[in-house]
Structures are given as structure tokens and as C-alpha cells.
C-alpha atoms as a PDB file:
ATOM      1  CA  ASN A   1     -13.361  23.675  36.226  1.00  0.00           C
ATOM      2  CA  PRO A   2     -13.939  22.015  39.654  1.00  0.00           C
ATOM      3  CA  ALA A   3     -16.566  19.691  38.172  1.00  0.00           C
ATOM      4  CA  TRP A   4     -13.832  17.863  36.249  1.00  0.00           C
ATOM      5  CA  ASP A   5     -12.265  16.524  39.470  1.00  0.00           C
ATOM      6  CA  LEU A   6      -8.740  16.592  38.009  1.00  0.00           C
ATOM      7  CA  LYS A   7      -5.951  14.574  39.625  1.00  0.00           C
ATOM      8  CA  GLU A   8      -2.265  15.446  39.556  1.00  0.00           C
ATOM      9  CA  VAL A   9       0.579  13.149  40.545  1.00  0.00           C
ATOM     10  CA  THR A  10       4.354  13.302  40.361  1.00  0.00           C
ATOM     11  CA  CYS A  11       6.078   9.980  39.812  1.00  0.00           C
ATOM     12  CA  GLY A  12       9.600   9.156  40.832  1.00  0.00           C
ATOM     13  CA  PRO A  13      11.964   6.493  39.510  1.00  0.00           C
ATOM     14  CA  GLY A  14      10.302   3.080  39.556  1.00  0.00           C
ATOM     15  CA  ASP A  15       6.799   4.452  40.200  1.00  0.00           C
ATOM     16  CA  VAL A  16       3.793   3.105  38.315  1.00  0.00           C
ATOM     17  CA  VAL A  17       0.480   4.838  37.643  1.00  0.00           C
ATOM     18  CA  PHE A  18      -2.703   2.991  36.691  1.00  0.00           C
ATOM     19  CA  ILE A  19      -5.086   5.003  34.504  1.00  0.00           C
ATOM     20  CA  PRO A  20      -8.632   3.537  34.651  1.00  0.00           C
ATOM     21  CA  CYS A  21     -10.510   2.749  31.463  1.00  0.00           C
ATOM     22  CA  GLY A  22     -11.911   5.820  29.759  1.00  0.00           C
ATOM     23  CA  TRP A  23      -9.947   8.389  31.767  1.00  0.00           C
ATOM     24  CA  TRP A  24      -8.395  11.136  29.677  1.00  0.00           C
ATOM     25  CA  HIS A  25      -4.879  11.886  30.789  1.00  0.00           C
ATOM     26  CA  CYS A  26      -1.841  13.982  29.999  1.00  0.00           C
ATOM     27  CA  VAL A  27       1.767  13.186  30.833  1.00  0.00           C
ATOM     28  CA  LEU A  28       4.465  15.812  31.226  1.00  0.00           C
ATOM     29  CA  ASN A  29       8.056  14.631  31.586  1.00  0.00           C
ATOM     30  CA  LEU A  30       9.920  16.759  34.116  1.00  0.00           C
ATOM     31  CA  ASP A  31      13.392  15.524  33.141  1.00  0.00           C
ATOM     32  CA  ASP A  32      15.031  15.287  29.737  1.00  0.00           C
ATOM     33  CA  ASP A  33      16.054  11.658  30.328  1.00  0.00           C
ATOM     34  CA  THR A  34      12.682   9.988  30.717  1.00  0.00           C
ATOM     35  CA  LEU A  35      11.532   6.551  29.645  1.00  0.00           C
ATOM     36  CA  ALA A  36       7.843   5.726  29.702  1.00  0.00           C
ATOM     37  CA  VAL A  37       6.403   2.267  29.119  1.00  0.00           C
ATOM     38  CA  THR A  38       2.693   2.012  28.508  1.00  0.00           C
ATOM     39  CA  GLN A  39       0.368  -0.948  28.270  1.00  0.00           C
ATOM     40  CA  ASN A  40      -3.285  -0.987  27.378  1.00  0.00           C
ATOM     41  CA  TYR A  41      -5.338  -3.464  29.363  1.00  0.00           C
ATOM     42  CA  CYS A  42      -8.773  -4.732  28.467  1.00  0.00           C
ATOM     43  CA  SER A  43     -10.661  -6.686  31.110  1.00  0.00           C
ATOM     44  CA  GLU A  44     -13.364  -9.199  30.212  1.00  0.00           C
ATOM     45  CA  THR A  45     -15.872  -6.717  31.634  1.00  0.00           C
ATOM     46  CA  HIS A  46     -14.928  -4.083  29.062  1.00  0.00           C
ATOM     47  CA  LEU A  47     -14.149  -6.392  26.141  1.00  0.00           C
ATOM     48  CA  HIS A  48     -17.425  -5.762  24.298  1.00  0.00           C
ATOM     49  CA  SER A  49     -17.061  -1.970  24.461  1.00  0.00           C
ATOM     50  CA  VAL A  50     -13.382  -2.128  23.423  1.00  0.00           C
ATOM     51  CA  ARG A  51     -14.166  -4.310  20.410  1.00  0.00           C
ATOM     52  CA  ARG A  52     -17.059  -2.043  19.463  1.00  0.00           C
ATOM     53  CA  PHE A  53     -14.791   1.018  19.687  1.00  0.00           C
ATOM     54  CA  LEU A  54     -12.120  -0.651  17.543  1.00  0.00           C
ATOM     55  CA  TRP A  55     -14.628  -1.556  14.840  1.00  0.00           C
ATOM     56  CA  GLU A  56     -16.824   1.559  14.868  1.00  0.00           C
ATOM     57  CA  LYS A  57     -14.310   4.293  15.666  1.00  0.00           C
ATOM     58  CA  ARG A  58     -11.053   3.182  14.139  1.00  0.00           C
ATOM     59  CA  HIS A  59     -10.448   6.779  13.002  1.00  0.00           C
ATOM     60  CA  ASP A  60     -10.187   7.669  16.734  1.00  0.00           C
ATOM     61  CA  ILE A  61      -7.490   5.072  17.444  1.00  0.00           C
ATOM     62  CA  SER A  62      -4.197   6.759  18.272  1.00  0.00           C
ATOM     63  CA  GLY A  63      -0.654   5.552  18.768  1.00  0.00           C
ATOM     64  CA  ALA A  64      -0.948   2.484  16.536  1.00  0.00           C
ATOM     65  CA  ALA A  65       0.803   2.336  13.172  1.00  0.00           C
ATOM     66  CA  MET A  66      -1.617  -0.346  11.944  1.00  0.00           C
ATOM     67  CA  LYS A  67      -4.826   1.278  13.184  1.00  0.00           C
ATOM     68  CA  ASP A  68      -6.651   0.475   9.941  1.00  0.00           C
ATOM     69  CA  SER A  69      -6.242  -3.261  10.561  1.00  0.00           C
ATOM     70  CA  LEU A  70      -6.186  -3.215  14.379  1.00  0.00           C
ATOM     71  CA  PRO A  71      -9.786  -4.464  14.855  1.00  0.00           C
ATOM     72  CA  GLU A  72      -9.087  -7.537  12.709  1.00  0.00           C
ATOM     73  CA  LEU A  73      -5.727  -8.169  14.392  1.00  0.00           C
ATOM     74  CA  PHE A  74      -7.285  -7.842  17.845  1.00  0.00           C
ATOM     75  CA  ASP A  75     -10.095 -10.277  17.011  1.00  0.00           C
ATOM     76  CA  GLU A  76      -7.655 -12.761  15.424  1.00  0.00           C
ATOM     77  CA  ALA A  77      -5.495 -12.740  18.578  1.00  0.00           C
ATOM     78  CA  LEU A  78      -8.584 -13.078  20.753  1.00  0.00           C
ATOM     79  CA  ALA A  79      -9.843 -16.014  18.670  1.00  0.00           C
ATOM     80  CA  ARG A  80      -6.450 -17.734  19.021  1.00  0.00           C
ATOM     81  CA  HIS A  81      -5.904 -17.172  22.732  1.00  0.00           C
ATOM     82  CA  ARG A  82      -9.389 -16.677  24.270  1.00  0.00           C
ATOM     83  CA  PRO A  83     -11.952 -17.969  21.736  1.00  0.00           C
ATOM     84  CA  GLU A  84     -14.608 -18.319  24.444  1.00  0.00           C
ATOM     85  CA  LEU A  85     -14.753 -14.535  24.721  1.00  0.00           C
ATOM     86  CA  ILE A  86     -15.830 -13.940  21.110  1.00  0.00           C
ATOM     87  CA  ALA A  87     -19.542 -14.319  20.601  1.00  0.00           C
END
């Protein structure tokens, strides 16, 4: 569907790809010996919507073994390290 404006990239050794907030994506490893390191980033701009998602849609959280307690853990870490951001 052309309206989806899909992007396709091929990464080589040492390459990094930034996936913007909210973008659905799929990764296909072309080689058998592949190591992927991922990191989720939450900017101050998106903090409110991320916290709301964690609290209201925890059943949609994927890739986290402790997804049932992730909202509490996230808020506890935020309160410890950036308390000015919790209101």
C-alpha cells in the first residue's frame, strides 16, 4: 500500500538505525551470526504518553519479562533519578 510510506534499509557491521517513537518496524537478519542490541528511549516530550501507555495498556507491552510491574518500576526509577518530571 503506497499510503504506508514504507522504508527499507540494509545495515552493515557497525551500522546503527534510529526508529522514531511510534514507528512500527520489522527486522530481518540476513546472516546466521547476527547480534542486535536495542534500547528504548523516552524523551521528556513523550514522557507523559509513555507513562500513560505503561499504566493503561500494560497488556500491550512486549519484550519485558516483568511487564506486569513495569509501570511501577519505571515510575520508581523516574522518582529516584528525575523526580522533577513526575507530576
